[in-house]
N, C-alpha and C. Protein backbone atom coordinates (compact mmCIF):
# COMPACT_ATOMS: atom_id res chain seq x y z
N UNK A 1 -21.11 26.59 -20.52
CA UNK A 1 -21.68 26.51 -19.72
C UNK A 1 -21.02 25.01 -19.52
N UNK A 2 -20.09 25.38 -18.23
CA UNK A 2 -19.24 24.50 -17.87
C UNK A 2 -19.58 23.02 -17.76
N UNK A 3 -18.51 21.85 -17.73
CA UNK A 3 -19.65 20.83 -17.16
C UNK A 3 -20.31 20.16 -16.19
N UNK A 4 -19.56 20.60 -14.89
CA UNK A 4 -20.65 20.56 -13.82
C UNK A 4 -22.51 20.79 -13.87
N UNK A 5 -22.09 22.21 -14.59
CA UNK A 5 -23.48 22.61 -14.77
C UNK A 5 -24.10 21.99 -16.04
N UNK A 6 -24.05 21.71 -16.73
CA UNK A 6 -23.95 20.28 -18.06
C UNK A 6 -24.25 19.42 -17.20
N UNK A 7 -23.38 18.55 -16.29
CA UNK A 7 -24.68 17.42 -15.78
C UNK A 7 -25.64 17.67 -14.65
N UNK A 8 -25.39 19.15 -13.97
CA UNK A 8 -26.66 19.35 -13.16
C UNK A 8 -27.42 19.67 -13.84
N UNK A 9 -27.53 19.58 -15.44
CA UNK A 9 -28.51 19.89 -15.85
C UNK A 9 -28.88 19.16 -16.50
N UNK A 10 -28.27 17.63 -17.52
CA UNK A 10 -28.64 16.49 -17.51
C UNK A 10 -29.19 15.90 -16.45
N UNK A 11 -28.93 15.84 -15.22
CA UNK A 11 -29.30 15.77 -13.95
C UNK A 11 -30.92 15.46 -13.90
N UNK A 12 -31.29 17.20 -14.10
CA UNK A 12 -32.41 18.12 -14.27
C UNK A 12 -33.31 17.45 -15.58
N UNK A 13 -32.71 15.93 -16.03
CA UNK A 13 -33.53 15.62 -17.33
C UNK A 13 -33.43 15.96 -18.97
N UNK A 14 -32.45 17.75 -18.53
CA UNK A 14 -32.90 18.01 -19.94
C UNK A 14 -32.05 17.37 -21.00
N UNK A 15 -32.55 17.28 -21.97
CA UNK A 15 -32.12 17.40 -23.07
C UNK A 15 -31.12 18.06 -24.06
N UNK A 16 -30.96 19.08 -24.65
CA UNK A 16 -30.34 19.99 -24.38
C UNK A 16 -28.78 19.53 -24.54
N UNK A 17 -28.92 19.51 -22.10
CA UNK A 17 -27.80 18.85 -22.06
C UNK A 17 -27.32 17.80 -22.24
N UNK A 18 -27.84 16.48 -22.04
CA UNK A 18 -27.69 15.73 -22.76
C UNK A 18 -27.23 15.26 -24.14
N UNK A 19 -28.18 15.90 -25.34
CA UNK A 19 -27.64 16.19 -26.58
C UNK A 19 -25.88 16.13 -26.06
N UNK A 20 -25.61 16.90 -25.58
CA UNK A 20 -23.86 17.49 -25.24
C UNK A 20 -23.52 17.40 -24.65
N UNK A 21 -23.35 16.46 -23.50
CA UNK A 21 -22.90 15.46 -23.08
C UNK A 21 -22.60 14.14 -23.80
N UNK A 22 -23.53 13.67 -24.67
CA UNK A 22 -23.22 12.90 -25.71
C UNK A 22 -22.24 13.94 -27.02
N UNK A 23 -22.83 14.57 -27.19
CA UNK A 23 -21.51 15.46 -28.11
C UNK A 23 -19.91 15.55 -27.75
N UNK A 24 -20.04 15.23 -26.79
CA UNK A 24 -18.37 15.55 -26.08
C UNK A 24 -18.06 14.36 -25.56
N UNK A 25 -19.24 13.40 -25.29
CA UNK A 25 -17.75 11.73 -24.70
C UNK A 25 -18.16 11.29 -25.53
N UNK A 26 -18.81 11.18 -26.70
CA UNK A 26 -19.50 9.71 -27.78
C UNK A 26 -18.51 9.05 -28.18
N UNK A 27 -17.65 9.91 -29.11
CA UNK A 27 -16.18 9.09 -29.75
C UNK A 27 -15.55 8.38 -28.25
N UNK A 28 -15.72 9.62 -27.08
CA UNK A 28 -14.09 9.07 -26.43
C UNK A 28 -14.87 7.12 -26.20
N UNK A 29 -16.51 7.10 -25.29
CA UNK A 29 -16.55 6.43 -24.61
C UNK A 29 -16.14 4.70 -26.27
N UNK A 30 -16.87 5.33 -27.24
CA UNK A 30 -17.16 4.35 -28.26
C UNK A 30 -15.52 3.78 -28.67
N UNK A 31 -14.56 5.17 -28.21
CA UNK A 31 -13.21 3.89 -28.40
C UNK A 31 -13.70 2.53 -27.44
N UNK A 32 -14.19 3.05 -25.45
CA UNK A 32 -13.48 1.97 -25.05
C UNK A 32 -14.89 0.74 -25.18
N UNK A 33 -15.88 1.06 -26.09
CA UNK A 33 -16.79 -0.13 -26.58
C UNK A 33 -16.07 -1.03 -27.23
N UNK A 34 -15.68 0.12 -28.32
CA UNK A 34 -15.05 -0.74 -29.81
C UNK A 34 -13.97 -1.92 -29.17
N UNK A 35 -13.54 -2.08 -27.77
CA UNK A 35 -12.35 -2.28 -27.38
C UNK A 35 -13.27 -3.64 -26.95
N UNK A 36 -14.23 -4.04 -26.22
CA UNK A 36 -15.23 -4.98 -25.89
C UNK A 36 -15.81 -5.89 -26.48
N UNK A 37 -16.04 -5.19 -28.35
CA UNK A 37 -16.69 -5.80 -28.51
C UNK A 37 -16.55 -6.11 -29.92
N UNK A 38 -17.51 -7.29 -30.58
CA UNK A 38 -16.73 -8.38 -31.23
C UNK A 38 -16.67 -7.03 -32.69
N UNK A 39 -17.51 -6.25 -32.33
CA UNK A 39 -17.74 -5.36 -33.86
C UNK A 39 -17.91 -4.37 -34.14
N UNK A 40 -17.87 -3.12 -35.35
CA UNK A 40 -19.13 -2.28 -35.01
C UNK A 40 -20.18 -1.37 -34.36
N UNK A 41 -20.06 -3.16 -34.95
CA UNK A 41 -22.28 -3.31 -34.78
C UNK A 41 -22.83 -3.91 -32.74
N UNK A 42 -22.12 -4.10 -32.64
CA UNK A 42 -22.06 -4.63 -31.16
C UNK A 42 -21.66 -3.27 -30.10
N UNK A 43 -20.07 -2.85 -30.76
CA UNK A 43 -19.51 -1.56 -29.81
C UNK A 43 -20.65 -0.32 -29.96
N UNK A 44 -21.59 -0.20 -31.12
CA UNK A 44 -22.34 1.38 -30.59
C UNK A 44 -23.65 1.26 -30.21
N UNK A 45 -24.45 -0.36 -30.24
CA UNK A 45 -25.51 -0.62 -29.65
C UNK A 45 -24.51 -0.54 -28.32
N UNK A 46 -23.41 -1.15 -27.35
CA UNK A 46 -23.56 -1.63 -26.29
C UNK A 46 -23.30 0.56 -26.09
N UNK A 47 -22.65 0.99 -26.57
CA UNK A 47 -22.77 2.67 -26.79
C UNK A 47 -24.32 2.80 -26.40
N UNK A 48 -24.90 3.03 -27.27
CA UNK A 48 -26.22 3.22 -26.86
C UNK A 48 -27.12 2.97 -25.87
N UNK A 49 -27.28 1.28 -25.69
CA UNK A 49 -27.18 0.74 -23.56
C UNK A 49 -26.61 1.84 -23.04
N UNK A 50 -24.97 2.48 -23.13
CA UNK A 50 -24.62 2.40 -21.80
C UNK A 50 -25.10 4.41 -21.54
N UNK A 51 -24.85 4.86 -22.26
CA UNK A 51 -25.79 6.00 -22.55
C UNK A 51 -27.14 6.02 -22.25
N UNK A 52 -28.00 4.77 -22.14
CA UNK A 52 -29.54 5.04 -21.91
C UNK A 52 -29.21 5.30 -20.73
N UNK A 53 -28.13 4.07 -19.85
CA UNK A 53 -28.15 3.92 -18.40
C UNK A 53 -27.21 5.57 -17.92
N UNK A 54 -26.13 5.72 -18.52
CA UNK A 54 -26.03 7.23 -17.97
C UNK A 54 -26.54 8.28 -17.48
N UNK A 55 -27.30 8.22 -18.67
CA UNK A 55 -28.85 9.24 -18.27
C UNK A 55 -29.57 8.38 -17.49
N UNK A 56 -29.83 7.72 -17.15
CA UNK A 56 -30.57 7.17 -16.01
C UNK A 56 -30.27 7.47 -14.39
N UNK A 57 -28.98 6.47 -14.72
CA UNK A 57 -28.55 7.43 -13.22
C UNK A 57 -27.28 8.02 -13.03
N UNK A 58 -27.61 9.32 -14.09
CA UNK A 58 -26.95 10.01 -13.60
C UNK A 58 -26.91 10.97 -12.40
N UNK A 59 -27.96 10.58 -11.55
CA UNK A 59 -27.97 11.52 -10.39
C UNK A 59 -27.25 11.00 -9.78
N UNK A 60 -26.79 9.68 -9.33
CA UNK A 60 -25.72 9.34 -8.78
C UNK A 60 -23.64 9.23 -8.62
N UNK A 61 -24.75 10.32 -10.00
CA UNK A 61 -22.46 10.82 -10.02
C UNK A 61 -22.43 12.61 -9.06
N UNK A 62 -21.90 12.44 -8.11
CA UNK A 62 -22.06 12.68 -6.77
C UNK A 62 -20.18 14.26 -7.26
N UNK A 63 -20.29 14.79 -8.37
CA UNK A 63 -19.16 15.24 -8.66
C UNK A 63 -18.13 15.03 -7.74
N UNK A 64 -18.04 13.93 -7.89
CA UNK A 64 -16.24 13.20 -6.90
C UNK A 64 -15.75 12.56 -8.07
N UNK A 65 -14.26 12.66 -8.74
CA UNK A 65 -13.87 11.89 -8.99
C UNK A 65 -14.05 12.42 -10.09
N UNK A 66 -13.72 11.93 -11.73
CA UNK A 66 -13.45 11.65 -13.23
C UNK A 66 -14.96 11.60 -13.97
N UNK A 67 -15.80 12.37 -14.43
CA UNK A 67 -17.58 12.20 -15.03
C UNK A 67 -16.99 11.36 -15.85
N UNK A 68 -15.92 11.10 -16.83
CA UNK A 68 -15.56 10.87 -18.09
C UNK A 68 -14.92 9.76 -17.42
N UNK A 69 -13.94 9.38 -16.43
CA UNK A 69 -13.90 7.79 -15.94
C UNK A 69 -15.25 7.25 -14.84
N UNK A 70 -16.52 7.83 -14.67
CA UNK A 70 -17.91 7.74 -14.63
C UNK A 70 -18.18 5.92 -15.37
N UNK A 71 -17.68 7.75 -16.05
CA UNK A 71 -19.08 6.86 -17.26
C UNK A 71 -18.23 5.82 -18.59
N UNK A 72 -17.22 5.66 -18.16
CA UNK A 72 -15.67 5.04 -19.55
C UNK A 72 -16.63 3.27 -17.93
N UNK A 73 -16.69 3.40 -16.84
CA UNK A 73 -16.89 2.24 -15.85
C UNK A 73 -18.66 1.51 -16.20
N UNK A 74 -19.07 2.88 -17.09
CA UNK A 74 -20.82 1.98 -17.24
C UNK A 74 -20.29 1.33 -18.32
N UNK A 75 -19.85 1.66 -19.60
CA UNK A 75 -19.13 1.38 -20.30
C UNK A 75 -19.18 0.07 -20.49
N UNK A 76 -18.10 0.24 -19.83
CA UNK A 76 -17.68 -1.18 -18.99
C UNK A 76 -18.26 -3.12 -18.94
N UNK A 77 -19.16 -2.14 -18.13
CA UNK A 77 -19.91 -2.67 -17.86
C UNK A 77 -21.04 -3.17 -18.29
N UNK A 78 -21.22 -2.36 -19.04
CA UNK A 78 -22.84 -2.64 -19.88
C UNK A 78 -22.26 -3.16 -21.47
N UNK A 79 -20.93 -3.43 -21.39
CA UNK A 79 -20.53 -4.50 -22.56
C UNK A 79 -20.39 -5.80 -21.53
N UNK A 80 -20.48 -5.65 -20.22
CA UNK A 80 -20.43 -6.87 -19.94
C UNK A 80 -21.71 -8.23 -19.30
N UNK A 81 -22.20 -7.10 -19.69
CA UNK A 81 -23.30 -7.33 -18.78
C UNK A 81 -24.19 -8.27 -20.49
N UNK A 82 -23.95 -7.34 -21.20
CA UNK A 82 -24.47 -8.07 -22.68
C UNK A 82 -23.51 -9.26 -22.26
N UNK A 83 -22.02 -9.80 -22.06
CA UNK A 83 -21.35 -11.39 -22.24
C UNK A 83 -22.61 -11.47 -21.67
N UNK A 84 -22.73 -11.58 -19.87
CA UNK A 84 -22.93 -12.14 -19.36
C UNK A 84 -24.37 -12.32 -19.25
N UNK A 85 -25.30 -11.92 -19.86
CA UNK A 85 -26.61 -12.50 -20.29
C UNK A 85 -26.45 -13.41 -21.63
N UNK A 86 -25.41 -13.33 -22.44
CA UNK A 86 -25.39 -14.29 -23.30
C UNK A 86 -25.24 -15.34 -23.53
N UNK A 87 -25.52 -16.11 -21.98
CA UNK A 87 -25.03 -17.01 -21.19
C UNK A 87 -24.02 -18.02 -21.79
N UNK A 88 -23.13 -17.45 -21.97
CA UNK A 88 -21.78 -17.31 -22.20
C UNK A 88 -20.27 -17.64 -21.70
N UNK A 89 -21.04 -17.19 -20.28
CA UNK A 89 -20.15 -17.68 -19.08
C UNK A 89 -19.45 -19.02 -18.49
N UNK A 90 -18.39 -19.06 -18.73
CA UNK A 90 -18.08 -20.84 -17.95
C UNK A 90 -16.49 -21.00 -18.01
N UNK A 91 -16.63 -21.53 -16.54
CA UNK A 91 -15.24 -22.09 -16.43
C UNK A 91 -14.50 -22.59 -16.87
N UNK A 92 -12.96 -22.77 -17.19
CA UNK A 92 -12.88 -24.17 -17.67
C UNK A 92 -11.60 -25.13 -16.47
N UNK A 93 -11.94 -26.26 -16.67
CA UNK A 93 -11.13 -27.35 -16.10
C UNK A 93 -9.92 -27.28 -16.06
N UNK A 94 -8.92 -27.41 -15.24
CA UNK A 94 -7.30 -27.87 -15.28
C UNK A 94 -7.37 -26.60 -15.47
N UNK A 95 -7.47 -25.32 -15.13
CA UNK A 95 -7.17 -24.31 -14.76
C UNK A 95 -5.32 -23.66 -14.33
N UNK A 96 -5.19 -24.56 -13.45
CA UNK A 96 -3.96 -24.06 -13.40
C UNK A 96 -2.34 -25.41 -14.06
N UNK A 97 -3.04 -25.45 -15.24
CA UNK A 97 -2.22 -26.04 -15.10
C UNK A 97 -1.89 -24.81 -17.05
N UNK A 98 -2.56 -23.99 -17.42
CA UNK A 98 -1.77 -23.35 -17.93
C UNK A 98 -0.82 -22.72 -17.90
N UNK A 99 0.32 -22.50 -18.34
CA UNK A 99 1.31 -21.64 -17.77
C UNK A 99 0.84 -20.52 -18.07
N UNK A 100 1.55 -19.20 -17.31
CA UNK A 100 1.35 -18.08 -17.55
C UNK A 100 2.09 -17.57 -19.23
N UNK A 101 1.60 -16.66 -19.56
CA UNK A 101 2.96 -16.56 -20.90
C UNK A 101 3.00 -15.25 -20.53
N UNK A 102 4.00 -14.93 -19.89
CA UNK A 102 4.91 -13.27 -20.56
C UNK A 102 4.31 -12.32 -21.59
N UNK A 103 4.35 -11.26 -21.08
CA UNK A 103 4.25 -10.24 -21.77
C UNK A 103 5.34 -9.63 -22.88
N UNK A 104 5.54 -9.39 -23.24
CA UNK A 104 6.69 -9.41 -24.76
C UNK A 104 6.19 -7.95 -25.01
N UNK A 105 7.53 -7.99 -25.35
CA UNK A 105 7.70 -5.79 -24.91
C UNK A 105 7.68 -6.46 -26.89
N UNK A 106 6.61 -5.44 -27.53
CA UNK A 106 6.01 -5.32 -28.97
C UNK A 106 6.71 -3.87 -29.00
N UNK A 107 6.83 -4.23 -30.26
CA UNK A 107 6.93 -2.26 -31.12
C UNK A 107 6.41 -2.01 -31.88
N UNK A 108 5.10 -1.52 -30.65
CA UNK A 108 3.65 -1.37 -31.51
C UNK A 108 3.51 -0.35 -32.18
N UNK A 109 4.35 0.75 -32.77
CA UNK A 109 3.92 0.74 -33.53
C UNK A 109 3.90 0.46 -35.28
N UNK A 110 4.90 -0.58 -35.21
CA UNK A 110 5.24 -0.92 -36.99
C UNK A 110 3.69 -1.93 -36.81
N UNK A 111 2.94 -2.22 -35.85
CA UNK A 111 1.70 -2.34 -36.15
C UNK A 111 0.37 -1.12 -36.71
N UNK A 112 -0.60 -1.59 -37.34
CA UNK A 112 -1.05 -0.17 -36.94
C UNK A 112 -2.16 -0.53 -35.70
N UNK A 113 -3.60 0.40 -35.72
CA UNK A 113 -4.30 -0.12 -33.62
C UNK A 113 -5.57 -0.66 -35.35
N UNK A 114 -5.60 -0.48 -36.51
CA UNK A 114 -6.19 -0.94 -37.21
C UNK A 114 -6.13 -2.72 -36.30
N UNK A 115 -4.99 -2.91 -37.23
CA UNK A 115 -4.61 -4.47 -36.82
C UNK A 115 -4.68 -4.85 -36.30
N UNK A 116 -4.55 -3.89 -34.21
CA UNK A 116 -4.21 -4.65 -33.22
C UNK A 116 -5.99 -4.92 -32.44
N UNK A 117 -6.42 -3.61 -33.63
CA UNK A 117 -8.06 -4.15 -32.85
C UNK A 117 -8.57 -4.71 -33.60
N UNK A 118 -8.41 -5.10 -34.67
CA UNK A 118 -8.76 -5.82 -35.02
C UNK A 118 -8.28 -7.50 -34.58
N UNK A 119 -7.46 -8.14 -34.37
CA UNK A 119 -7.04 -8.79 -33.26
C UNK A 119 -7.93 -9.03 -32.82
N UNK A 120 -7.78 -8.08 -31.68
CA UNK A 120 -8.24 -8.20 -30.00
C UNK A 120 -9.52 -8.53 -30.74
N UNK A 121 -10.85 -8.43 -31.08
CA UNK A 121 -11.35 -8.39 -31.52
C UNK A 121 -12.30 -9.96 -32.22
N UNK A 122 -11.22 -10.55 -32.42
CA UNK A 122 -11.43 -11.93 -33.82
C UNK A 122 -11.61 -12.92 -32.13
N UNK A 123 -11.02 -12.50 -30.71
CA UNK A 123 -10.59 -12.98 -29.57
C UNK A 123 -11.93 -13.80 -29.22
N UNK A 124 -12.04 -14.98 -28.57
CA UNK A 124 -12.97 -15.81 -27.78
C UNK A 124 -14.04 -15.24 -26.61
N UNK A 125 -15.35 -14.38 -27.00
CA UNK A 125 -15.61 -13.02 -25.93
C UNK A 125 -14.72 -13.31 -24.59
N UNK A 126 -14.22 -14.01 -23.88
CA UNK A 126 -13.81 -14.75 -22.32
C UNK A 126 -12.45 -13.96 -22.95
N UNK A 127 -11.79 -13.99 -23.86
CA UNK A 127 -10.45 -13.98 -23.24
C UNK A 127 -10.53 -12.48 -23.54
N UNK A 128 -11.45 -12.19 -24.84
CA UNK A 128 -10.54 -10.77 -25.14
C UNK A 128 -11.50 -9.98 -23.70
N UNK A 129 -13.12 -10.67 -23.18
CA UNK A 129 -12.52 -9.58 -22.00
C UNK A 129 -12.05 -9.12 -21.04
N UNK A 130 -11.36 -10.46 -20.63
CA UNK A 130 -9.66 -10.93 -20.32
C UNK A 130 -8.98 -9.50 -20.33
N UNK A 131 -8.47 -10.11 -21.49
CA UNK A 131 -7.83 -8.96 -22.01
C UNK A 131 -7.38 -8.02 -21.62
N UNK A 132 -8.55 -7.74 -22.12
CA UNK A 132 -8.91 -5.52 -21.93
C UNK A 132 -9.45 -4.91 -20.69
N UNK A 133 -9.81 -6.16 -20.28
CA UNK A 133 -9.60 -5.24 -17.98
C UNK A 133 -8.21 -5.62 -17.71
N UNK A 134 -7.91 -6.14 -17.55
CA UNK A 134 -6.47 -6.71 -17.20
C UNK A 134 -5.47 -5.69 -18.27
N UNK A 135 -5.46 -6.22 -19.23
CA UNK A 135 -4.41 -5.30 -19.40
C UNK A 135 -4.17 -4.00 -20.41
N UNK A 136 -5.56 -3.37 -20.73
CA UNK A 136 -5.70 -2.42 -21.30
C UNK A 136 -6.24 -1.98 -20.12
N UNK A 137 -7.24 -1.60 -19.13
CA UNK A 137 -8.23 -0.84 -18.30
C UNK A 137 -7.37 -1.37 -17.05
N UNK A 138 -6.50 -2.37 -16.71
CA UNK A 138 -5.65 -2.38 -15.05
C UNK A 138 -6.03 -2.96 -13.52
N UNK A 139 -7.68 -3.66 -14.70
CA UNK A 139 -8.76 -3.92 -13.77
C UNK A 139 -7.16 -5.45 -12.96
N UNK A 140 -8.31 -5.74 -11.88
CA UNK A 140 -6.62 -7.07 -10.88
C UNK A 140 -7.62 -8.26 -11.44
N UNK A 141 -7.70 -9.40 -11.37
CA UNK A 141 -7.71 -10.96 -11.52
C UNK A 141 -8.75 -10.60 -10.31
N UNK A 142 -8.91 -10.68 -9.19
CA UNK A 142 -9.59 -10.65 -8.48
C UNK A 142 -10.80 -9.92 -8.69
N UNK A 143 -10.34 -8.43 -8.77
CA UNK A 143 -11.46 -7.72 -10.17
C UNK A 143 -12.48 -8.49 -10.86
N UNK A 144 -11.72 -8.95 -12.02
CA UNK A 144 -11.90 -9.28 -13.18
C UNK A 144 -13.03 -10.35 -12.45
N UNK A 145 -12.57 -11.36 -11.53
CA UNK A 145 -13.11 -12.64 -11.27
C UNK A 145 -14.67 -12.30 -10.71
N UNK A 146 -14.65 -11.31 -9.89
CA UNK A 146 -16.19 -10.73 -9.67
C UNK A 146 -17.25 -10.12 -10.49
N UNK A 147 -16.79 -9.54 -11.36
CA UNK A 147 -16.84 -8.97 -12.57
C UNK A 147 -17.52 -9.91 -13.24
N UNK A 148 -16.98 -10.87 -13.53
CA UNK A 148 -17.63 -11.96 -14.79
C UNK A 148 -18.08 -13.36 -14.06
N UNK A 149 -18.07 -13.13 -12.92
CA UNK A 149 -18.58 -14.29 -12.46
C UNK A 149 -18.00 -15.59 -12.73
N UNK A 150 -16.47 -15.78 -12.59
CA UNK A 150 -15.52 -16.83 -13.00
C UNK A 150 -14.49 -16.54 -11.47
N UNK A 151 -13.59 -17.82 -12.04
CA UNK A 151 -12.49 -17.48 -10.25
C UNK A 151 -11.35 -17.01 -11.38
N UNK A 152 -10.35 -16.61 -9.95
CA UNK A 152 -9.26 -16.19 -10.45
C UNK A 152 -8.34 -16.55 -10.88
N UNK A 153 -8.49 -17.93 -10.54
CA UNK A 153 -7.59 -18.87 -11.86
C UNK A 153 -8.08 -18.95 -13.28
N UNK A 154 -9.05 -18.65 -13.68
CA UNK A 154 -10.19 -18.71 -14.62
C UNK A 154 -9.39 -17.60 -15.26
N UNK A 155 -9.55 -16.29 -14.34
CA UNK A 155 -9.23 -15.56 -15.19
C UNK A 155 -6.99 -15.14 -16.09
N UNK A 156 -7.09 -15.76 -14.53
CA UNK A 156 -5.64 -15.76 -15.16
C UNK A 156 -5.40 -16.73 -16.16
N UNK A 157 -6.20 -18.24 -16.31
CA UNK A 157 -5.56 -18.62 -17.43
C UNK A 157 -5.86 -18.15 -18.99
N UNK A 158 -7.48 -17.59 -18.90
CA UNK A 158 -8.36 -16.42 -20.01
C UNK A 158 -6.86 -15.41 -20.24
N UNK A 159 -7.00 -15.55 -19.74
CA UNK A 159 -5.77 -14.00 -19.73
C UNK A 159 -3.68 -14.43 -20.91
N UNK A 160 -3.61 -15.95 -19.89
CA UNK A 160 -2.61 -16.14 -21.05
C UNK A 160 -3.19 -17.18 -22.07
N UNK A 161 -4.22 -17.20 -22.36
CA UNK A 161 -5.03 -17.88 -23.88
C UNK A 161 -4.66 -16.74 -24.42
N UNK A 162 -5.40 -15.70 -24.54
CA UNK A 162 -5.61 -14.52 -25.11
C UNK A 162 -4.72 -14.27 -25.82
N UNK A 163 -3.07 -13.63 -24.92
CA UNK A 163 -1.80 -13.12 -25.07
C UNK A 163 -1.25 -14.45 -26.11
N UNK A 164 -1.53 -15.51 -26.15
CA UNK A 164 -1.35 -16.48 -26.32
C UNK A 164 -1.86 -16.33 -27.72
N UNK A 165 -2.79 -15.84 -27.78
CA UNK A 165 -4.18 -16.75 -30.07
C UNK A 165 -3.39 -14.96 -30.16
N UNK A 166 -3.00 -14.00 -29.88
CA UNK A 166 -1.96 -12.59 -30.25
C UNK A 166 -0.90 -12.87 -30.46
N UNK A 167 -0.20 -13.18 -29.91
CA UNK A 167 1.52 -13.52 -30.37
C UNK A 167 1.84 -14.52 -31.48
N UNK A 168 1.09 -15.43 -31.81
CA UNK A 168 0.43 -16.08 -32.63
C UNK A 168 -0.38 -15.08 -34.00
N UNK A 169 -1.37 -14.49 -34.04
CA UNK A 169 -1.10 -13.25 -34.88
C UNK A 169 -0.43 -13.16 -35.12
N UNK A 170 0.21 -12.20 -33.88
CA UNK A 170 1.14 -11.34 -34.42
C UNK A 170 2.16 -11.43 -35.40
N UNK A 171 3.33 -12.67 -34.59
CA UNK A 171 3.45 -13.35 -35.25
C UNK A 171 3.50 -14.26 -36.97
N UNK A 172 2.33 -14.53 -37.02
CA UNK A 172 1.51 -14.78 -37.99
C UNK A 172 1.91 -13.53 -39.69
N UNK A 173 1.06 -12.15 -38.35
CA UNK A 173 1.90 -10.71 -39.77
C UNK A 173 3.29 -10.86 -39.99
N UNK A 174 4.14 -10.51 -39.09
CA UNK A 174 5.35 -11.11 -39.19
C UNK A 174 5.71 -11.63 -40.24
N UNK A 175 5.66 -13.08 -40.45
CA UNK A 175 6.56 -13.93 -41.47
C UNK A 175 5.27 -13.65 -42.28
N UNK A 176 3.98 -12.81 -42.44
CA UNK A 176 3.44 -12.25 -44.07
C UNK A 176 4.49 -11.16 -44.26
N UNK A 177 4.37 -10.71 -43.79
CA UNK A 177 5.26 -8.82 -43.88
C UNK A 177 7.07 -9.62 -44.12
N UNK A 178 7.43 -10.69 -43.61
CA UNK A 178 8.23 -11.26 -43.79
C UNK A 178 8.76 -11.66 -45.12
N UNK A 179 7.76 -12.70 -46.10
CA UNK A 179 7.61 -13.57 -46.89
C UNK A 179 7.21 -11.68 -48.12
N UNK A 180 6.71 -11.13 -47.41
CA UNK A 180 5.64 -10.56 -48.62
C UNK A 180 7.55 -9.50 -49.72
N UNK A 181 8.81 -8.50 -48.08
CA UNK A 181 9.57 -7.82 -48.47
C UNK A 181 11.08 -9.14 -49.63
N UNK A 182 10.41 -10.73 -49.58
CA UNK A 182 11.50 -10.92 -49.86
C UNK A 182 11.06 -11.03 -51.49
N UNK A 183 9.07 -11.24 -51.30
CA UNK A 183 8.73 -11.38 -53.44
C UNK A 183 9.26 -9.88 -53.90
N UNK A 184 9.30 -8.98 -53.73
CA UNK A 184 9.66 -7.57 -54.23
C UNK A 184 10.32 -9.02 -55.60
């Protein structure tokens, strides 16, 4: 069964079709969920909630654009909704005093994906959300501000702080690796 027909079957609440859509996309969407979560369990919970929403709202998909992209947006929105409902959204004071930290050209191949994911997951929630939305998913600061109910300045400062923390963790990792090489 091709994807448009599978989607139509899901819209008709066919459980076999829903299972097939889940099997086709769960792995990719779990990757999206994982980058917005603190750990695997939270990512699994977010993915589960996202699929419930996907199947409840699948009748809203109009077969225009990417079905995978539509589902990805639901996964991101599910993570953001969980974050907002935690009551931890707040504005920073004196946000304009925080300098923008430029992106460094890192040799991503020298760091494992596991290490990079781990340090992103260790970021405070508000920094992790802004970092992922801006850097990994291409949202503008204006869009992030609307999604997270914060100002654009807060979005920019959270991104700067996230980058600074990540740079410090990478520098610490580099120092550890350098020290390890000398101890041999």
